[in-house]
Amino acid sequence: MSSDLFQLVYQDQLAELEQREQAWREAMQKSVEHVFISRFPLAPVKLIHSIRQIREAMRLQALHDLILTTDDVARVEQAIGAATENQQP
């Protein structure tokens, strides 16, 4: 019985953690999109779609930092492509 209770509590906490992670990822993706559009308003829209495919926190943060520090849209496009490859499931 206590094992079942532990299992339920664990599953609830895990689900809550996954929801928080999902919310953070979506907020970070929106932040990266906003900065990208602000810095490169004439860049192809397909790049925004690609940003939405990035799921890893470190890749999003690195992309965010790059967008803030470069004027080279081709470099950002290359980084977006690299960030969407070989992601963890």
PDB file of N, CA and C in Angstrom:
ATOM      1  N   MET A   1       0.817  -1.194   0.000  1.00  0.00           N
ATOM      2  CA  MET A   1       0.000   0.000   0.000  1.00  0.00           C
ATOM      3  C   MET A   1       0.865   1.263   0.000  1.00  0.00           C
ATOM      4  N   SER A   2       1.850   1.319   0.890  1.00  0.00           N
ATOM      5  CA  SER A   2       2.705   2.507   0.934  1.00  0.00           C
ATOM      6  C   SER A   2       3.538   2.616  -0.346  1.00  0.00           C
ATOM      7  N   SER A   3       3.851   1.474  -0.929  1.00  0.00           N
ATOM      8  CA  SER A   3       4.579   1.471  -2.193  1.00  0.00           C
ATOM      9  C   SER A   3       3.730   2.102  -3.295  1.00  0.00           C
ATOM     10  N   ASP A   4       2.437   1.797  -3.306  1.00  0.00           N
ATOM     11  CA  ASP A   4       1.527   2.384  -4.288  1.00  0.00           C
ATOM     12  C   ASP A   4       1.411   3.893  -4.086  1.00  0.00           C
ATOM     13  N   LEU A   5       1.347   4.314  -2.841  1.00  0.00           N
ATOM     14  CA  LEU A   5       1.261   5.731  -2.538  1.00  0.00           C
ATOM     15  C   LEU A   5       2.539   6.454  -2.992  1.00  0.00           C
ATOM     16  N   PHE A   6       3.666   5.847  -2.696  1.00  0.00           N
ATOM     17  CA  PHE A   6       4.946   6.418  -3.134  1.00  0.00           C
ATOM     18  C   PHE A   6       4.974   6.550  -4.655  1.00  0.00           C
ATOM     19  N   GLN A   7       4.522   5.522  -5.338  1.00  0.00           N
ATOM     20  CA  GLN A   7       4.492   5.517  -6.806  1.00  0.00           C
ATOM     21  C   GLN A   7       3.612   6.657  -7.335  1.00  0.00           C
ATOM     22  N   LEU A   8       2.444   6.850  -6.725  1.00  0.00           N
ATOM     23  CA  LEU A   8       1.546   7.916  -7.160  1.00  0.00           C
ATOM     24  C   LEU A   8       2.153   9.298  -6.935  1.00  0.00           C
ATOM     25  N   VAL A   9       2.760   9.494  -5.767  1.00  0.00           N
ATOM     26  CA  VAL A   9       3.390  10.776  -5.460  1.00  0.00           C
ATOM     27  C   VAL A   9       4.534  11.034  -6.437  1.00  0.00           C
ATOM     28  N   TYR A  10       5.325  10.018  -6.682  1.00  0.00           N
ATOM     29  CA  TYR A  10       6.445  10.139  -7.617  1.00  0.00           C
ATOM     30  C   TYR A  10       5.949  10.497  -9.015  1.00  0.00           C
ATOM     31  N   GLN A  11       4.918   9.831  -9.474  1.00  0.00           N
ATOM     32  CA  GLN A  11       4.380  10.096 -10.806  1.00  0.00           C
ATOM     33  C   GLN A  11       3.820  11.516 -10.898  1.00  0.00           C
ATOM     34  N   ASP A  12       3.154  11.973  -9.841  1.00  0.00           N
ATOM     35  CA  ASP A  12       2.630  13.338  -9.825  1.00  0.00           C
ATOM     36  C   ASP A  12       3.753  14.367  -9.886  1.00  0.00           C
ATOM     37  N   GLN A  13       4.797  14.134  -9.105  1.00  0.00           N
ATOM     38  CA  GLN A  13       5.923  15.063  -9.101  1.00  0.00           C
ATOM     39  C   GLN A  13       6.651  15.062 -10.443  1.00  0.00           C
ATOM     40  N   LEU A  14       6.795  13.903 -11.032  1.00  0.00           N
ATOM     41  CA  LEU A  14       7.436  13.796 -12.333  1.00  0.00           C
ATOM     42  C   LEU A  14       6.614  14.520 -13.402  1.00  0.00           C
ATOM     43  N   ALA A  15       5.296  14.347 -13.368  1.00  0.00           N
ATOM     44  CA  ALA A  15       4.425  15.021 -14.336  1.00  0.00           C
ATOM     45  C   ALA A  15       4.506  16.534 -14.163  1.00  0.00           C
ATOM     46  N   GLU A  16       4.558  16.992 -12.916  1.00  0.00           N
ATOM     47  CA  GLU A  16       4.669  18.436 -12.652  1.00  0.00           C
ATOM     48  C   GLU A  16       5.996  18.981 -13.163  1.00  0.00           C
ATOM     49  N   LEU A  17       7.061  18.240 -12.950  1.00  0.00           N
ATOM     50  CA  LEU A  17       8.375  18.646 -13.440  1.00  0.00           C
ATOM     51  C   LEU A  17       8.392  18.716 -14.966  1.00  0.00           C
ATOM     52  N   GLU A  18       7.795  17.744 -15.615  1.00  0.00           N
ATOM     53  CA  GLU A  18       7.737  17.735 -17.081  1.00  0.00           C
ATOM     54  C   GLU A  18       6.926  18.921 -17.607  1.00  0.00           C
ATOM     55  N   GLN A  19       5.841  19.280 -16.902  1.00  0.00           N
ATOM     56  CA  GLN A  19       5.045  20.429 -17.308  1.00  0.00           C
ATOM     57  C   GLN A  19       5.839  21.720 -17.169  1.00  0.00           C
ATOM     58  N   ARG A  20       6.583  21.846 -16.068  1.00  0.00           N
ATOM     59  CA  ARG A  20       7.411  23.038 -15.869  1.00  0.00           C
ATOM     60  C   ARG A  20       8.488  23.132 -16.935  1.00  0.00           C
ATOM     61  N   GLU A  21       9.098  22.006 -17.260  1.00  0.00           N
ATOM     62  CA  GLU A  21      10.128  21.986 -18.294  1.00  0.00           C
ATOM     63  C   GLU A  21       9.552  22.395 -19.643  1.00  0.00           C
ATOM     64  N   GLN A  22       8.384  21.889 -19.960  1.00  0.00           N
ATOM     65  CA  GLN A  22       7.710  22.237 -21.214  1.00  0.00           C
ATOM     66  C   GLN A  22       7.392  23.734 -21.254  1.00  0.00           C
ATOM     67  N   ALA A  23       6.885  24.280 -20.167  1.00  0.00           N
ATOM     68  CA  ALA A  23       6.561  25.703 -20.113  1.00  0.00           C
ATOM     69  C   ALA A  23       7.820  26.553 -20.266  1.00  0.00           C
ATOM     70  N   TRP A  24       8.908  26.133 -19.597  1.00  0.00           N
ATOM     71  CA  TRP A  24      10.162  26.878 -19.724  1.00  0.00           C
ATOM     72  C   TRP A  24      10.661  26.837 -21.161  1.00  0.00           C
ATOM     73  N   ARG A  25      10.630  25.653 -21.769  1.00  0.00           N
ATOM     74  CA  ARG A  25      11.114  25.509 -23.147  1.00  0.00           C
ATOM     75  C   ARG A  25      10.315  26.397 -24.093  1.00  0.00           C
ATOM     76  N   GLU A  26       8.999  26.409 -23.941  1.00  0.00           N
ATOM     77  CA  GLU A  26       8.166  27.244 -24.804  1.00  0.00           C
ATOM     78  C   GLU A  26       8.469  28.728 -24.599  1.00  0.00           C
ATOM     79  N   ALA A  27       8.672  29.139 -23.351  1.00  0.00           N
ATOM     80  CA  ALA A  27       9.013  30.532 -23.069  1.00  0.00           C
ATOM     81  C   ALA A  27      10.371  30.889 -23.668  1.00  0.00           C
ATOM     82  N   MET A  28      11.329  29.986 -23.556  1.00  0.00           N
ATOM     83  CA  MET A  28      12.662  30.243 -24.111  1.00  0.00           C
ATOM     84  C   MET A  28      12.605  30.293 -25.632  1.00  0.00           C
ATOM     85  N   GLN A  29      11.837  29.399 -26.241  1.00  0.00           N
ATOM     86  CA  GLN A  29      11.688  29.419 -27.699  1.00  0.00           C
ATOM     87  C   GLN A  29      11.099  30.760 -28.149  1.00  0.00           C
ATOM     88  N   LYS A  30      10.082  31.238 -27.439  1.00  0.00           N
ATOM     89  CA  LYS A  30       9.471  32.522 -27.785  1.00  0.00           C
ATOM     90  C   LYS A  30      10.460  33.661 -27.613  1.00  0.00           C
ATOM     91  N   SER A  31      11.267  33.583 -26.575  1.00  0.00           N
ATOM     92  CA  SER A  31      12.282  34.608 -26.355  1.00  0.00           C
ATOM     93  C   SER A  31      13.295  34.621 -27.494  1.00  0.00           C
ATOM     94  N   VAL A  32      13.750  33.448 -27.889  1.00  0.00           N
ATOM     95  CA  VAL A  32      14.708  33.347 -29.001  1.00  0.00           C
ATOM     96  C   VAL A  32      14.066  33.868 -30.291  1.00  0.00           C
ATOM     97  N   GLU A  33      12.823  33.494 -30.533  1.00  0.00           N
ATOM     98  CA  GLU A  33      12.116  33.975 -31.725  1.00  0.00           C
ATOM     99  C   GLU A  33      12.023  35.501 -31.717  1.00  0.00           C
ATOM    100  N   HIS A  34      11.651  36.060 -30.583  1.00  0.00           N
ATOM    101  CA  HIS A  34      11.489  37.507 -30.472  1.00  0.00           C
ATOM    102  C   HIS A  34      12.806  38.234 -30.746  1.00  0.00           C
ATOM    103  N   VAL A  35      13.869  37.768 -30.125  1.00  0.00           N
ATOM    104  CA  VAL A  35      15.177  38.387 -30.337  1.00  0.00           C
ATOM    105  C   VAL A  35      15.604  38.230 -31.797  1.00  0.00           C
ATOM    106  N   PHE A  36      15.358  37.052 -32.366  1.00  0.00           N
ATOM    107  CA  PHE A  36      15.726  36.800 -33.757  1.00  0.00           C
ATOM    108  C   PHE A  36      14.988  37.760 -34.693  1.00  0.00           C
ATOM    109  N   ILE A  37      13.685  37.878 -34.504  1.00  0.00           N
ATOM    110  CA  ILE A  37      12.884  38.759 -35.365  1.00  0.00           C
ATOM    111  C   ILE A  37      13.309  40.219 -35.179  1.00  0.00           C
ATOM    112  N   SER A  38      13.617  40.591 -33.949  1.00  0.00           N
ATOM    113  CA  SER A  38      14.053  41.968 -33.685  1.00  0.00           C
ATOM    114  C   SER A  38      15.392  42.276 -34.352  1.00  0.00           C
ATOM    115  N   ARG A  39      16.295  41.324 -34.306  1.00  0.00           N
ATOM    116  CA  ARG A  39      17.640  41.543 -34.868  1.00  0.00           C
ATOM    117  C   ARG A  39      17.679  41.354 -36.386  1.00  0.00           C
ATOM    118  N   PHE A  40      16.863  40.424 -36.893  1.00  0.00           N
ATOM    119  CA  PHE A  40      16.903  40.084 -38.318  1.00  0.00           C
ATOM    120  C   PHE A  40      15.482  40.069 -38.909  1.00  0.00           C
ATOM    121  N   PRO A  41      14.854  41.223 -39.018  1.00  0.00           N
ATOM    122  CA  PRO A  41      13.450  41.258 -39.461  1.00  0.00           C
ATOM    123  C   PRO A  41      13.222  40.762 -40.889  1.00  0.00           C
ATOM    124  N   LEU A  42      14.248  40.749 -41.708  1.00  0.00           N
ATOM    125  CA  LEU A  42      14.087  40.315 -43.098  1.00  0.00           C
ATOM    126  C   LEU A  42      14.518  38.866 -43.330  1.00  0.00           C
ATOM    127  N   ALA A  43      14.864  38.174 -42.261  1.00  0.00           N
ATOM    128  CA  ALA A  43      15.305  36.777 -42.383  1.00  0.00           C
ATOM    129  C   ALA A  43      14.128  35.880 -42.768  1.00  0.00           C
ATOM    130  N   PRO A  44      14.423  34.751 -43.401  1.00  0.00           N
ATOM    131  CA  PRO A  44      13.355  33.836 -43.823  1.00  0.00           C
ATOM    132  C   PRO A  44      12.512  33.319 -42.646  1.00  0.00           C
ATOM    133  N   VAL A  45      11.221  33.267 -42.849  1.00  0.00           N
ATOM    134  CA  VAL A  45      10.287  32.806 -41.819  1.00  0.00           C
ATOM    135  C   VAL A  45      10.544  31.346 -41.455  1.00  0.00           C
ATOM    136  N   LYS A  46      11.082  30.568 -42.384  1.00  0.00           N
ATOM    137  CA  LYS A  46      11.349  29.153 -42.109  1.00  0.00           C
ATOM    138  C   LYS A  46      12.283  28.979 -40.910  1.00  0.00           C
ATOM    139  N   LEU A  47      13.103  29.982 -40.648  1.00  0.00           N
ATOM    140  CA  LEU A  47      14.018  29.891 -39.513  1.00  0.00           C
ATOM    141  C   LEU A  47      13.259  29.944 -38.183  1.00  0.00           C
ATOM    142  N   ILE A  48      12.168  30.694 -38.155  1.00  0.00           N
ATOM    143  CA  ILE A  48      11.336  30.729 -36.940  1.00  0.00           C
ATOM    144  C   ILE A  48      10.768  29.341 -36.677  1.00  0.00           C
ATOM    145  N   HIS A  49      10.300  28.691 -37.717  1.00  0.00           N
ATOM    146  CA  HIS A  49       9.779  27.326 -37.557  1.00  0.00           C
ATOM    147  C   HIS A  49      10.877  26.397 -37.033  1.00  0.00           C
ATOM    148  N   SER A  50      12.070  26.577 -37.532  1.00  0.00           N
ATOM    149  CA  SER A  50      13.189  25.748 -37.073  1.00  0.00           C
ATOM    150  C   SER A  50      13.507  25.987 -35.608  1.00  0.00           C
ATOM    151  N   ILE A  51      13.437  27.235 -35.171  1.00  0.00           N
ATOM    152  CA  ILE A  51      13.668  27.539 -33.751  1.00  0.00           C
ATOM    153  C   ILE A  51      12.673  26.786 -32.886  1.00  0.00           C
ATOM    154  N   ARG A  52      11.448  26.683 -33.341  1.00  0.00           N
ATOM    155  CA  ARG A  52      10.400  25.976 -32.572  1.00  0.00           C
ATOM    156  C   ARG A  52      10.671  24.478 -32.450  1.00  0.00           C
ATOM    157  N   GLN A  53      11.572  23.966 -33.276  1.00  0.00           N
ATOM    158  CA  GLN A  53      11.905  22.542 -33.218  1.00  0.00           C
ATOM    159  C   GLN A  53      13.002  22.239 -32.194  1.00  0.00           C
ATOM    160  N   ILE A  54      13.668  23.271 -31.709  1.00  0.00           N
ATOM    161  CA  ILE A  54      14.766  23.070 -30.755  1.00  0.00           C
ATOM    162  C   ILE A  54      14.175  22.812 -29.374  1.00  0.00           C
ATOM    163  N   ARG A  55      14.560  21.690 -28.768  1.00  0.00           N
ATOM    164  CA  ARG A  55      13.988  21.293 -27.480  1.00  0.00           C
ATOM    165  C   ARG A  55      14.979  21.354 -26.327  1.00  0.00           C
ATOM    166  N   GLU A  56      16.243  21.400 -26.628  1.00  0.00           N
ATOM    167  CA  GLU A  56      17.250  21.336 -25.563  1.00  0.00           C
ATOM    168  C   GLU A  56      17.592  22.725 -25.035  1.00  0.00           C
ATOM    169  N   ALA A  57      17.577  22.850 -23.718  1.00  0.00           N
ATOM    170  CA  ALA A  57      17.793  24.133 -23.054  1.00  0.00           C
ATOM    171  C   ALA A  57      19.133  24.755 -23.416  1.00  0.00           C
ATOM    172  N   MET A  58      20.182  23.974 -23.401  1.00  0.00           N
ATOM    173  CA  MET A  58      21.510  24.518 -23.694  1.00  0.00           C
ATOM    174  C   MET A  58      21.613  25.027 -25.128  1.00  0.00           C
ATOM    175  N   ARG A  59      20.976  24.337 -26.049  1.00  0.00           N
ATOM    176  CA  ARG A  59      21.004  24.782 -27.453  1.00  0.00           C
ATOM    177  C   ARG A  59      20.219  26.078 -27.623  1.00  0.00           C
ATOM    178  N   LEU A  60      19.071  26.174 -26.949  1.00  0.00           N
ATOM    179  CA  LEU A  60      18.286  27.402 -27.017  1.00  0.00           C
ATOM    180  C   LEU A  60      19.059  28.576 -26.432  1.00  0.00           C
ATOM    181  N   GLN A  61      19.693  28.358 -25.285  1.00  0.00           N
ATOM    182  CA  GLN A  61      20.452  29.423 -24.639  1.00  0.00           C
ATOM    183  C   GLN A  61      21.627  29.865 -25.509  1.00  0.00           C
ATOM    184  N   ALA A  62      22.340  28.913 -26.088  1.00  0.00           N
ATOM    185  CA  ALA A  62      23.470  29.250 -26.958  1.00  0.00           C
ATOM    186  C   ALA A  62      23.003  30.034 -28.181  1.00  0.00           C
ATOM    187  N   LEU A  63      21.890  29.631 -28.748  1.00  0.00           N
ATOM    188  CA  LEU A  63      21.343  30.336 -29.915  1.00  0.00           C
ATOM    189  C   LEU A  63      20.926  31.753 -29.527  1.00  0.00           C
ATOM    190  N   HIS A  64      20.280  31.885 -28.394  1.00  0.00           N
ATOM    191  CA  HIS A  64      19.869  33.194 -27.885  1.00  0.00           C
ATOM    192  C   HIS A  64      21.082  34.120 -27.758  1.00  0.00           C
ATOM    193  N   ASP A  65      22.129  33.598 -27.137  1.00  0.00           N
ATOM    194  CA  ASP A  65      23.351  34.390 -26.958  1.00  0.00           C
ATOM    195  C   ASP A  65      23.973  34.784 -28.300  1.00  0.00           C
ATOM    196  N   LEU A  66      24.001  33.850 -29.243  1.00  0.00           N
ATOM    197  CA  LEU A  66      24.566  34.134 -30.560  1.00  0.00           C
ATOM    198  C   LEU A  66      23.778  35.234 -31.267  1.00  0.00           C
ATOM    199  N   ILE A  67      22.464  35.128 -31.236  1.00  0.00           N
ATOM    200  CA  ILE A  67      21.625  36.121 -31.904  1.00  0.00           C
ATOM    201  C   ILE A  67      21.872  37.517 -31.333  1.00  0.00           C
ATOM    202  N   LEU A  68      22.098  37.577 -30.039  1.00  0.00           N
ATOM    203  CA  LEU A  68      22.350  38.872 -29.405  1.00  0.00           C
ATOM    204  C   LEU A  68      23.714  39.459 -29.746  1.00  0.00           C
ATOM    205  N   THR A  69      24.650  38.606 -30.153  1.00  0.00           N
ATOM    206  CA  THR A  69      26.030  39.083 -30.314  1.00  0.00           C
ATOM    207  C   THR A  69      26.557  39.100 -31.747  1.00  0.00           C
ATOM    208  N   THR A  70      25.762  38.697 -32.720  1.00  0.00           N
ATOM    209  CA  THR A  70      26.257  38.689 -34.101  1.00  0.00           C
ATOM    210  C   THR A  70      25.329  39.474 -35.013  1.00  0.00           C
ATOM    211  N   ASP A  71      25.901  39.977 -36.084  1.00  0.00           N
ATOM    212  CA  ASP A  71      25.121  40.646 -37.125  1.00  0.00           C
ATOM    213  C   ASP A  71      25.014  39.773 -38.378  1.00  0.00           C
ATOM    214  N   ASP A  72      25.541  38.571 -38.305  1.00  0.00           N
ATOM    215  CA  ASP A  72      25.630  37.673 -39.454  1.00  0.00           C
ATOM    216  C   ASP A  72      24.474  36.667 -39.434  1.00  0.00           C
ATOM    217  N   VAL A  73      23.441  36.943 -40.222  1.00  0.00           N
ATOM    218  CA  VAL A  73      22.272  36.070 -40.242  1.00  0.00           C
ATOM    219  C   VAL A  73      22.620  34.680 -40.767  1.00  0.00           C
ATOM    220  N   ALA A  74      23.588  34.588 -41.656  1.00  0.00           N
ATOM    221  CA  ALA A  74      24.005  33.274 -42.167  1.00  0.00           C
ATOM    222  C   ALA A  74      24.595  32.425 -41.046  1.00  0.00           C
ATOM    223  N   ARG A  75      25.341  33.064 -40.173  1.00  0.00           N
ATOM    224  CA  ARG A  75      25.905  32.339 -39.017  1.00  0.00           C
ATOM    225  C   ARG A  75      24.796  31.849 -38.092  1.00  0.00           C
ATOM    226  N   VAL A  76      23.790  32.678 -37.888  1.00  0.00           N
ATOM    227  CA  VAL A  76      22.655  32.280 -37.051  1.00  0.00           C
ATOM    228  C   VAL A  76      21.892  31.144 -37.720  1.00  0.00           C
ATOM    229  N   GLU A  77      21.687  31.232 -39.012  1.00  0.00           N
ATOM    230  CA  GLU A  77      20.994  30.172 -39.741  1.00  0.00           C
ATOM    231  C   GLU A  77      21.744  28.848 -39.617  1.00  0.00           C
ATOM    232  N   GLN A  78      23.053  28.906 -39.718  1.00  0.00           N
ATOM    233  CA  GLN A  78      23.875  27.703 -39.559  1.00  0.00           C
ATOM    234  C   GLN A  78      23.733  27.140 -38.141  1.00  0.00           C
ATOM    235  N   ALA A  79      23.722  28.012 -37.150  1.00  0.00           N
ATOM    236  CA  ALA A  79      23.577  27.576 -35.754  1.00  0.00           C
ATOM    237  C   ALA A  79      22.204  26.966 -35.505  1.00  0.00           C
ATOM    238  N   ILE A  80      21.185  27.524 -36.121  1.00  0.00           N
ATOM    239  CA  ILE A  80      19.835  26.958 -35.979  1.00  0.00           C
ATOM    240  C   ILE A  80      19.808  25.556 -36.580  1.00  0.00           C
ATOM    241  N   GLY A  81      20.403  25.402 -37.759  1.00  0.00           N
ATOM    242  CA  GLY A  81      20.465  24.081 -38.390  1.00  0.00           C
ATOM    243  C   GLY A  81      21.195  23.078 -37.523  1.00  0.00           C
ATOM    244  N   ALA A  82      22.317  23.489 -36.963  1.00  0.00           N
ATOM    245  CA  ALA A  82      23.088  22.589 -36.091  1.00  0.00           C
ATOM    246  C   ALA A  82      22.309  22.255 -34.828  1.00  0.00           C
ATOM    247  N   ALA A  83      21.561  23.218 -34.299  1.00  0.00           N
ATOM    248  CA  ALA A  83      20.803  22.996 -33.058  1.00  0.00           C
ATOM    249  C   ALA A  83      19.631  22.041 -33.252  1.00  0.00           C
ATOM    250  N   THR A  84      19.124  21.967 -34.473  1.00  0.00           N
ATOM    251  CA  THR A  84      17.993  21.071 -34.710  1.00  0.00           C
ATOM    252  C   THR A  84      18.429  19.651 -35.074  1.00  0.00           C
ATOM    253  N   GLU A  85      19.714  19.465 -35.328  1.00  0.00           N
ATOM    254  CA  GLU A  85      20.229  18.138 -35.656  1.00  0.00           C
ATOM    255  C   GLU A  85      20.584  17.369 -34.387  1.00  0.00           C
ATOM    256  N   ASN A  86      20.407  16.080 -34.435  1.00  0.00           N
ATOM    257  CA  ASN A  86      20.852  15.174 -33.377  1.00  0.00           C
ATOM    258  C   ASN A  86      20.413  15.596 -31.970  1.00  0.00           C
ATOM    259  N   GLN A  87      19.173  15.987 -31.846  1.00  0.00           N
ATOM    260  CA  GLN A  87      18.653  16.366 -30.528  1.00  0.00           C
ATOM    261  C   GLN A  87      18.310  15.132 -29.718  1.00  0.00           C
ATOM    262  N   GLN A  88      18.357  15.304 -28.400  1.00  0.00           N
ATOM    263  CA  GLN A  88      17.920  14.249 -27.498  1.00  0.00           C
ATOM    264  C   GLN A  88      16.415  14.120 -27.601  1.00  0.00           C
ATOM    265  N   PRO A  89      15.876  12.931 -27.507  1.00  0.00           N
ATOM    266  CA  PRO A  89      14.412  12.781 -27.595  1.00  0.00           C
ATOM    267  C   PRO A  89      13.702  13.375 -26.403  1.00  0.00           C
TER     268      PRO A  89
END
